[in-house]
């Protein structure tokens, strides 16, 4: 007997972006490791890759996420 039920059906209005198929899908058709979401609208899911790129850029340029050694690799 499994401890957790595998969720195969999404809630109405849940949208995902599948990284493998590179398409928007309603409900979790693909495994969680292969998708972004859930999003509340289809349009949000369609822009999932742009949103991820924007967030990655923000993270890469945020000084709170970089330690002193990364900023000064010579250790000075």
PDB file of N, CA and C in Angstrom:
ATOM      1  N   UNK A   1       0.836  -1.176   0.000  1.00  0.00           N
ATOM      2  CA  UNK A   1       0.000   0.000   0.000  1.00  0.00           C
ATOM      3  C   UNK A   1       0.887   1.248   0.000  1.00  0.00           C
ATOM      4  N   UNK A   2       0.635   2.138  -0.882  1.00  0.00           N
ATOM      5  CA  UNK A   2       1.421   3.368  -0.990  1.00  0.00           C
ATOM      6  C   UNK A   2       1.017   4.355   0.097  1.00  0.00           C
ATOM      7  N   UNK A   3       2.012   5.061   0.602  1.00  0.00           N
ATOM      8  CA  UNK A   3       1.740   6.078   1.615  1.00  0.00           C
ATOM      9  C   UNK A   3       1.056   7.297   1.023  1.00  0.00           C
ATOM     10  N   UNK A   4       1.453   7.636  -0.171  1.00  0.00           N
ATOM     11  CA  UNK A   4       0.915   8.824  -0.811  1.00  0.00           C
ATOM     12  C   UNK A   4       0.289   8.435  -2.136  1.00  0.00           C
ATOM     13  N   UNK A   5      -0.858   9.014  -2.412  1.00  0.00           N
ATOM     14  CA  UNK A   5      -1.488   8.776  -3.704  1.00  0.00           C
ATOM     15  C   UNK A   5      -0.801   9.621  -4.751  1.00  0.00           C
ATOM     16  N   UNK A   6      -0.562   9.045  -5.895  1.00  0.00           N
ATOM     17  CA  UNK A   6       0.005   9.797  -7.005  1.00  0.00           C
ATOM     18  C   UNK A   6      -1.104  10.639  -7.619  1.00  0.00           C
ATOM     19  N   UNK A   7      -0.856  11.939  -7.659  1.00  0.00           N
ATOM     20  CA  UNK A   7      -1.854  12.857  -8.201  1.00  0.00           C
ATOM     21  C   UNK A   7      -1.730  12.882  -9.716  1.00  0.00           C
ATOM     22  N   UNK A   8      -2.753  12.391 -10.379  1.00  0.00           N
ATOM     23  CA  UNK A   8      -2.701  12.333 -11.842  1.00  0.00           C
ATOM     24  C   UNK A   8      -3.628  13.341 -12.497  1.00  0.00           C
ATOM     25  N   UNK A   9      -4.586  13.865 -11.742  1.00  0.00           N
ATOM     26  CA  UNK A   9      -5.541  14.794 -12.315  1.00  0.00           C
ATOM     27  C   UNK A   9      -5.370  16.145 -11.640  1.00  0.00           C
ATOM     28  N   UNK A  10      -5.250  17.181 -12.437  1.00  0.00           N
ATOM     29  CA  UNK A  10      -5.092  18.520 -11.890  1.00  0.00           C
ATOM     30  C   UNK A  10      -6.422  19.127 -11.501  1.00  0.00           C
ATOM     31  N   UNK A  11      -6.344  20.182 -10.746  1.00  0.00           N
ATOM     32  CA  UNK A  11      -7.543  20.930 -10.396  1.00  0.00           C
ATOM     33  C   UNK A  11      -7.966  21.753 -11.612  1.00  0.00           C
ATOM     34  N   UNK A  12      -9.241  22.009 -11.757  1.00  0.00           N
ATOM     35  CA  UNK A  12      -9.672  22.853 -12.874  1.00  0.00           C
ATOM     36  C   UNK A  12      -8.983  24.210 -12.825  1.00  0.00           C
ATOM     37  N   UNK A  13      -8.465  24.643 -13.952  1.00  0.00           N
ATOM     38  CA  UNK A  13      -7.802  25.937 -14.024  1.00  0.00           C
ATOM     39  C   UNK A  13      -6.322  25.916 -13.697  1.00  0.00           C
ATOM     40  N   UNK A  14      -5.735  24.751 -13.444  1.00  0.00           N
ATOM     41  CA  UNK A  14      -4.292  24.665 -13.225  1.00  0.00           C
ATOM     42  C   UNK A  14      -3.598  24.468 -14.566  1.00  0.00           C
ATOM     43  N   UNK A  15      -2.645  25.322 -14.834  1.00  0.00           N
ATOM     44  CA  UNK A  15      -1.911  25.255 -16.087  1.00  0.00           C
ATOM     45  C   UNK A  15      -0.442  25.009 -15.794  1.00  0.00           C
ATOM     46  N   UNK A  16       0.201  24.239 -16.640  1.00  0.00           N
ATOM     47  CA  UNK A  16       1.611  23.890 -16.492  1.00  0.00           C
ATOM     48  C   UNK A  16       2.333  24.100 -17.818  1.00  0.00           C
ATOM     49  N   UNK A  17       3.646  24.290 -17.730  1.00  0.00           N
ATOM     50  CA  UNK A  17       4.473  24.333 -18.927  1.00  0.00           C
ATOM     51  C   UNK A  17       5.375  23.112 -18.878  1.00  0.00           C
ATOM     52  N   UNK A  18       5.252  22.229 -19.855  1.00  0.00           N
ATOM     53  CA  UNK A  18       6.055  21.008 -19.919  1.00  0.00           C
ATOM     54  C   UNK A  18       7.395  21.332 -20.567  1.00  0.00           C
ATOM     55  N   UNK A  19       8.481  21.058 -19.845  1.00  0.00           N
ATOM     56  CA  UNK A  19       9.823  21.327 -20.339  1.00  0.00           C
ATOM     57  C   UNK A  19      10.258  20.322 -21.401  1.00  0.00           C
ATOM     58  N   UNK A  20       9.724  19.128 -21.361  1.00  0.00           N
ATOM     59  CA  UNK A  20      10.086  18.093 -22.333  1.00  0.00           C
ATOM     60  C   UNK A  20       9.404  18.352 -23.673  1.00  0.00           C
ATOM     61  N   UNK A  21       8.109  18.576 -23.623  1.00  0.00           N
ATOM     62  CA  UNK A  21       7.335  18.769 -24.853  1.00  0.00           C
ATOM     63  C   UNK A  21       7.278  20.226 -25.292  1.00  0.00           C
ATOM     64  N   UNK A  22       7.737  21.127 -24.424  1.00  0.00           N
ATOM     65  CA  UNK A  22       7.750  22.568 -24.685  1.00  0.00           C
ATOM     66  C   UNK A  22       6.371  23.060 -25.109  1.00  0.00           C
ATOM     67  N   UNK A  23       5.389  22.713 -24.266  1.00  0.00           N
ATOM     68  CA  UNK A  23       4.023  23.138 -24.540  1.00  0.00           C
ATOM     69  C   UNK A  23       3.273  23.332 -23.233  1.00  0.00           C
ATOM     70  N   UNK A  24       2.198  24.082 -23.319  1.00  0.00           N
ATOM     71  CA  UNK A  24       1.323  24.327 -22.177  1.00  0.00           C
ATOM     72  C   UNK A  24       0.322  23.189 -22.091  1.00  0.00           C
ATOM     73  N   UNK A  25       0.052  22.754 -20.864  1.00  0.00           N
ATOM     74  CA  UNK A  25      -0.935  21.700 -20.675  1.00  0.00           C
ATOM     75  C   UNK A  25      -1.799  22.038 -19.468  1.00  0.00           C
ATOM     76  N   UNK A  26      -3.055  21.660 -19.547  1.00  0.00           N
ATOM     77  CA  UNK A  26      -3.948  21.866 -18.409  1.00  0.00           C
ATOM     78  C   UNK A  26      -3.931  20.606 -17.571  1.00  0.00           C
ATOM     79  N   UNK A  27      -3.616  20.773 -16.313  1.00  0.00           N
ATOM     80  CA  UNK A  27      -3.467  19.623 -15.427  1.00  0.00           C
ATOM     81  C   UNK A  27      -2.081  19.027 -15.573  1.00  0.00           C
ATOM     82  N   UNK A  28      -1.646  18.277 -14.573  1.00  0.00           N
ATOM     83  CA  UNK A  28      -0.297  17.710 -14.612  1.00  0.00           C
ATOM     84  C   UNK A  28      -0.227  16.439 -15.459  1.00  0.00           C
ATOM     85  N   UNK A  29      -0.067  16.599 -16.754  1.00  0.00           N
ATOM     86  CA  UNK A  29       0.044  15.439 -17.637  1.00  0.00           C
ATOM     87  C   UNK A  29       1.423  14.789 -17.548  1.00  0.00           C
ATOM     88  N   UNK A  30       2.453  15.603 -17.385  1.00  0.00           N
ATOM     89  CA  UNK A  30       3.825  15.105 -17.332  1.00  0.00           C
ATOM     90  C   UNK A  30       4.321  15.094 -15.882  1.00  0.00           C
ATOM     91  N   UNK A  31       5.380  14.338 -15.602  1.00  0.00           N
ATOM     92  CA  UNK A  31       5.914  14.275 -14.238  1.00  0.00           C
ATOM     93  C   UNK A  31       6.358  15.655 -13.737  1.00  0.00           C
ATOM     94  N   UNK A  32       6.305  15.848 -12.431  1.00  0.00           N
ATOM     95  CA  UNK A  32       6.643  17.129 -11.812  1.00  0.00           C
ATOM     96  C   UNK A  32       8.054  17.583 -12.169  1.00  0.00           C
ATOM     97  N   UNK A  33       8.985  16.657 -12.329  1.00  0.00           N
ATOM     98  CA  UNK A  33      10.367  17.026 -12.649  1.00  0.00           C
ATOM     99  C   UNK A  33      10.499  17.637 -14.042  1.00  0.00           C
ATOM    100  N   UNK A  34       9.474  17.486 -14.867  1.00  0.00           N
ATOM    101  CA  UNK A  34       9.523  17.958 -16.247  1.00  0.00           C
ATOM    102  C   UNK A  34       8.616  19.151 -16.521  1.00  0.00           C
ATOM    103  N   UNK A  35       8.157  19.829 -15.456  1.00  0.00           N
ATOM    104  CA  UNK A  35       7.206  20.915 -15.717  1.00  0.00           C
ATOM    105  C   UNK A  35       7.383  22.073 -14.744  1.00  0.00           C
ATOM    106  N   UNK A  36       6.944  23.243 -15.175  1.00  0.00           N
ATOM    107  CA  UNK A  36       6.820  24.434 -14.338  1.00  0.00           C
ATOM    108  C   UNK A  36       5.336  24.610 -14.049  1.00  0.00           C
ATOM    109  N   UNK A  37       5.014  25.076 -12.872  1.00  0.00           N
ATOM    110  CA  UNK A  37       3.634  25.365 -12.550  1.00  0.00           C
ATOM    111  C   UNK A  37       3.276  24.847 -11.186  1.00  0.00           C
ATOM    112  N   UNK A  38       2.057  25.008 -10.786  1.00  0.00           N
ATOM    113  CA  UNK A  38       0.915  25.417 -11.589  1.00  0.00           C
ATOM    114  C   UNK A  38       0.806  26.934 -11.733  1.00  0.00           C
ATOM    115  N   UNK A  39       0.201  27.344 -12.820  1.00  0.00           N
ATOM    116  CA  UNK A  39      -0.108  28.742 -13.089  1.00  0.00           C
ATOM    117  C   UNK A  39      -1.622  28.881 -13.092  1.00  0.00           C
ATOM    118  N   UNK A  40      -2.105  30.071 -12.787  1.00  0.00           N
ATOM    119  CA  UNK A  40      -3.556  30.271 -12.713  1.00  0.00           C
ATOM    120  C   UNK A  40      -4.192  30.509 -14.076  1.00  0.00           C
ATOM    121  N   UNK A  41      -3.379  30.917 -15.062  1.00  0.00           N
ATOM    122  CA  UNK A  41      -3.927  31.135 -16.400  1.00  0.00           C
ATOM    123  C   UNK A  41      -3.039  30.474 -17.448  1.00  0.00           C
ATOM    124  N   UNK A  42      -3.627  30.228 -18.585  1.00  0.00           N
ATOM    125  CA  UNK A  42      -2.875  29.664 -19.703  1.00  0.00           C
ATOM    126  C   UNK A  42      -1.779  30.638 -20.152  1.00  0.00           C
ATOM    127  N   UNK A  43      -2.095  31.931 -20.144  1.00  0.00           N
ATOM    128  CA  UNK A  43      -1.127  32.941 -20.580  1.00  0.00           C
ATOM    129  C   UNK A  43       0.115  32.938 -19.688  1.00  0.00           C
ATOM    130  N   UNK A  44      -0.067  32.795 -18.379  1.00  0.00           N
ATOM    131  CA  UNK A  44       1.081  32.726 -17.472  1.00  0.00           C
ATOM    132  C   UNK A  44       1.949  31.515 -17.805  1.00  0.00           C
ATOM    133  N   UNK A  45       1.320  30.384 -18.058  1.00  0.00           N
ATOM    134  CA  UNK A  45       2.068  29.172 -18.389  1.00  0.00           C
ATOM    135  C   UNK A  45       2.796  29.320 -19.719  1.00  0.00           C
ATOM    136  N   UNK A  46       2.194  30.018 -20.678  1.00  0.00           N
ATOM    137  CA  UNK A  46       2.826  30.235 -21.978  1.00  0.00           C
ATOM    138  C   UNK A  46       4.115  31.047 -21.850  1.00  0.00           C
ATOM    139  N   UNK A  47       4.200  31.883 -20.815  1.00  0.00           N
ATOM    140  CA  UNK A  47       5.373  32.736 -20.606  1.00  0.00           C
ATOM    141  C   UNK A  47       6.288  32.196 -19.514  1.00  0.00           C
ATOM    142  N   UNK A  48       6.165  30.914 -19.201  1.00  0.00           N
ATOM    143  CA  UNK A  48       6.938  30.319 -18.112  1.00  0.00           C
ATOM    144  C   UNK A  48       8.442  30.434 -18.331  1.00  0.00           C
ATOM    145  N   UNK A  49       8.901  30.223 -19.543  1.00  0.00           N
ATOM    146  CA  UNK A  49      10.339  30.280 -19.803  1.00  0.00           C
ATOM    147  C   UNK A  49      10.873  31.702 -19.666  1.00  0.00           C
ATOM    148  N   UNK A  50      10.112  32.694 -20.122  1.00  0.00           N
ATOM    149  CA  UNK A  50      10.532  34.090 -19.973  1.00  0.00           C
ATOM    150  C   UNK A  50      10.585  34.476 -18.495  1.00  0.00           C
ATOM    151  N   UNK A  51       9.576  34.023 -17.747  1.00  0.00           N
ATOM    152  CA  UNK A  51       9.547  34.305 -16.311  1.00  0.00           C
ATOM    153  C   UNK A  51      10.756  33.686 -15.626  1.00  0.00           C
ATOM    154  N   UNK A  52      11.098  32.461 -15.989  1.00  0.00           N
ATOM    155  CA  UNK A  52      12.256  31.790 -15.395  1.00  0.00           C
ATOM    156  C   UNK A  52      13.552  32.531 -15.737  1.00  0.00           C
ATOM    157  N   UNK A  53      13.683  32.977 -16.982  1.00  0.00           N
ATOM    158  CA  UNK A  53      14.881  33.722 -17.377  1.00  0.00           C
ATOM    159  C   UNK A  53      15.004  35.029 -16.594  1.00  0.00           C
ATOM    160  N   UNK A  54      13.894  35.728 -16.414  1.00  0.00           N
ATOM    161  CA  UNK A  54      13.907  36.985 -15.650  1.00  0.00           C
ATOM    162  C   UNK A  54      14.312  36.723 -14.203  1.00  0.00           C
ATOM    163  N   UNK A  55      13.762  35.673 -13.611  1.00  0.00           N
ATOM    164  CA  UNK A  55      14.089  35.349 -12.215  1.00  0.00           C
ATOM    165  C   UNK A  55      15.542  34.919 -12.077  1.00  0.00           C
ATOM    166  N   UNK A  56      16.039  34.165 -13.035  1.00  0.00           N
ATOM    167  CA  UNK A  56      17.448  33.759 -12.997  1.00  0.00           C
ATOM    168  C   UNK A  56      18.366  34.966 -13.076  1.00  0.00           C
ATOM    169  N   UNK A  57      18.048  35.919 -13.937  1.00  0.00           N
ATOM    170  CA  UNK A  57      18.853  37.125 -14.069  1.00  0.00           C
ATOM    171  C   UNK A  57      18.830  37.934 -12.772  1.00  0.00           C
ATOM    172  N   UNK A  58      17.656  38.052 -12.166  1.00  0.00           N
ATOM    173  CA  UNK A  58      17.549  38.762 -10.889  1.00  0.00           C
ATOM    174  C   UNK A  58      18.420  38.082  -9.830  1.00  0.00           C
ATOM    175  N   UNK A  59      18.371  36.758  -9.778  1.00  0.00           N
ATOM    176  CA  UNK A  59      19.147  36.015  -8.795  1.00  0.00           C
ATOM    177  C   UNK A  59      20.645  36.197  -9.053  1.00  0.00           C
ATOM    178  N   UNK A  60      21.058  36.096 -10.307  1.00  0.00           N
ATOM    179  CA  UNK A  60      22.479  36.208 -10.640  1.00  0.00           C
ATOM    180  C   UNK A  60      23.049  37.588 -10.332  1.00  0.00           C
ATOM    181  N   UNK A  61      22.222  38.607 -10.365  1.00  0.00           N
ATOM    182  CA  UNK A  61      22.701  39.968 -10.126  1.00  0.00           C
ATOM    183  C   UNK A  61      22.365  40.471  -8.728  1.00  0.00           C
ATOM    184  N   UNK A  62      21.790  39.640  -7.883  1.00  0.00           N
ATOM    185  CA  UNK A  62      21.429  40.035  -6.522  1.00  0.00           C
ATOM    186  C   UNK A  62      22.625  39.836  -5.593  1.00  0.00           C
ATOM    187  N   UNK A  63      23.183  40.906  -5.035  1.00  0.00           N
ATOM    188  CA  UNK A  63      24.371  40.766  -4.192  1.00  0.00           C
ATOM    189  C   UNK A  63      24.118  39.973  -2.906  1.00  0.00           C
ATOM    190  N   UNK A  64      22.878  39.843  -2.468  1.00  0.00           N
ATOM    191  CA  UNK A  64      22.584  39.062  -1.258  1.00  0.00           C
ATOM    192  C   UNK A  64      22.874  37.571  -1.456  1.00  0.00           C
ATOM    193  N   UNK A  65      22.895  37.112  -2.702  1.00  0.00           N
ATOM    194  CA  UNK A  65      23.061  35.684  -2.965  1.00  0.00           C
ATOM    195  C   UNK A  65      24.491  35.303  -3.322  1.00  0.00           C
ATOM    196  N   UNK A  66      25.415  36.223  -3.210  1.00  0.00           N
ATOM    197  CA  UNK A  66      26.802  35.929  -3.538  1.00  0.00           C
ATOM    198  C   UNK A  66      27.670  36.231  -2.331  1.00  0.00           C
ATOM    199  N   UNK A  67      28.515  35.290  -1.978  1.00  0.00           N
ATOM    200  CA  UNK A  67      29.368  35.523  -0.815  1.00  0.00           C
ATOM    201  C   UNK A  67      30.579  36.366  -1.202  1.00  0.00           C
ATOM    202  N   UNK A  68      31.323  36.791  -0.213  1.00  0.00           N
ATOM    203  CA  UNK A  68      32.453  37.695  -0.429  1.00  0.00           C
ATOM    204  C   UNK A  68      33.528  37.051  -1.298  1.00  0.00           C
ATOM    205  N   UNK A  69      33.773  35.782  -1.155  1.00  0.00           N
ATOM    206  CA  UNK A  69      34.815  35.131  -1.942  1.00  0.00           C
ATOM    207  C   UNK A  69      34.471  35.124  -3.426  1.00  0.00           C
ATOM    208  N   UNK A  70      33.210  34.953  -3.758  1.00  0.00           N
ATOM    209  CA  UNK A  70      32.815  34.974  -5.173  1.00  0.00           C
ATOM    210  C   UNK A  70      33.005  36.365  -5.756  1.00  0.00           C
ATOM    211  N   UNK A  71      32.827  37.385  -4.940  1.00  0.00           N
ATOM    212  CA  UNK A  71      33.027  38.758  -5.413  1.00  0.00           C
ATOM    213  C   UNK A  71      34.497  39.099  -5.497  1.00  0.00           C
ATOM    214  N   UNK A  72      35.323  38.489  -4.657  1.00  0.00           N
ATOM    215  CA  UNK A  72      36.740  38.761  -4.619  1.00  0.00           C
ATOM    216  C   UNK A  72      37.495  37.439  -4.626  1.00  0.00           C
ATOM    217  N   UNK A  73      37.670  36.814  -5.775  1.00  0.00           N
ATOM    218  CA  UNK A  73      38.251  35.466  -5.845  1.00  0.00           C
ATOM    219  C   UNK A  73      39.712  35.390  -5.381  1.00  0.00           C
ATOM    220  N   UNK A  74      40.439  36.521  -5.291  1.00  0.00           N
ATOM    221  CA  UNK A  74      41.831  36.485  -4.844  1.00  0.00           C
ATOM    222  C   UNK A  74      41.942  36.409  -3.328  1.00  0.00           C
ATOM    223  N   UNK A  75      40.821  36.592  -2.612  1.00  0.00           N
ATOM    224  CA  UNK A  75      40.843  36.528  -1.165  1.00  0.00           C
ATOM    225  C   UNK A  75      41.345  37.779  -0.506  1.00  0.00           C
ATOM    226  N   UNK A  76      41.483  38.858  -1.249  1.00  0.00           N
ATOM    227  CA  UNK A  76      41.962  40.117  -0.676  1.00  0.00           C
ATOM    228  C   UNK A  76      40.868  40.849   0.059  1.00  0.00           C
TER     229      UNK A  76
END
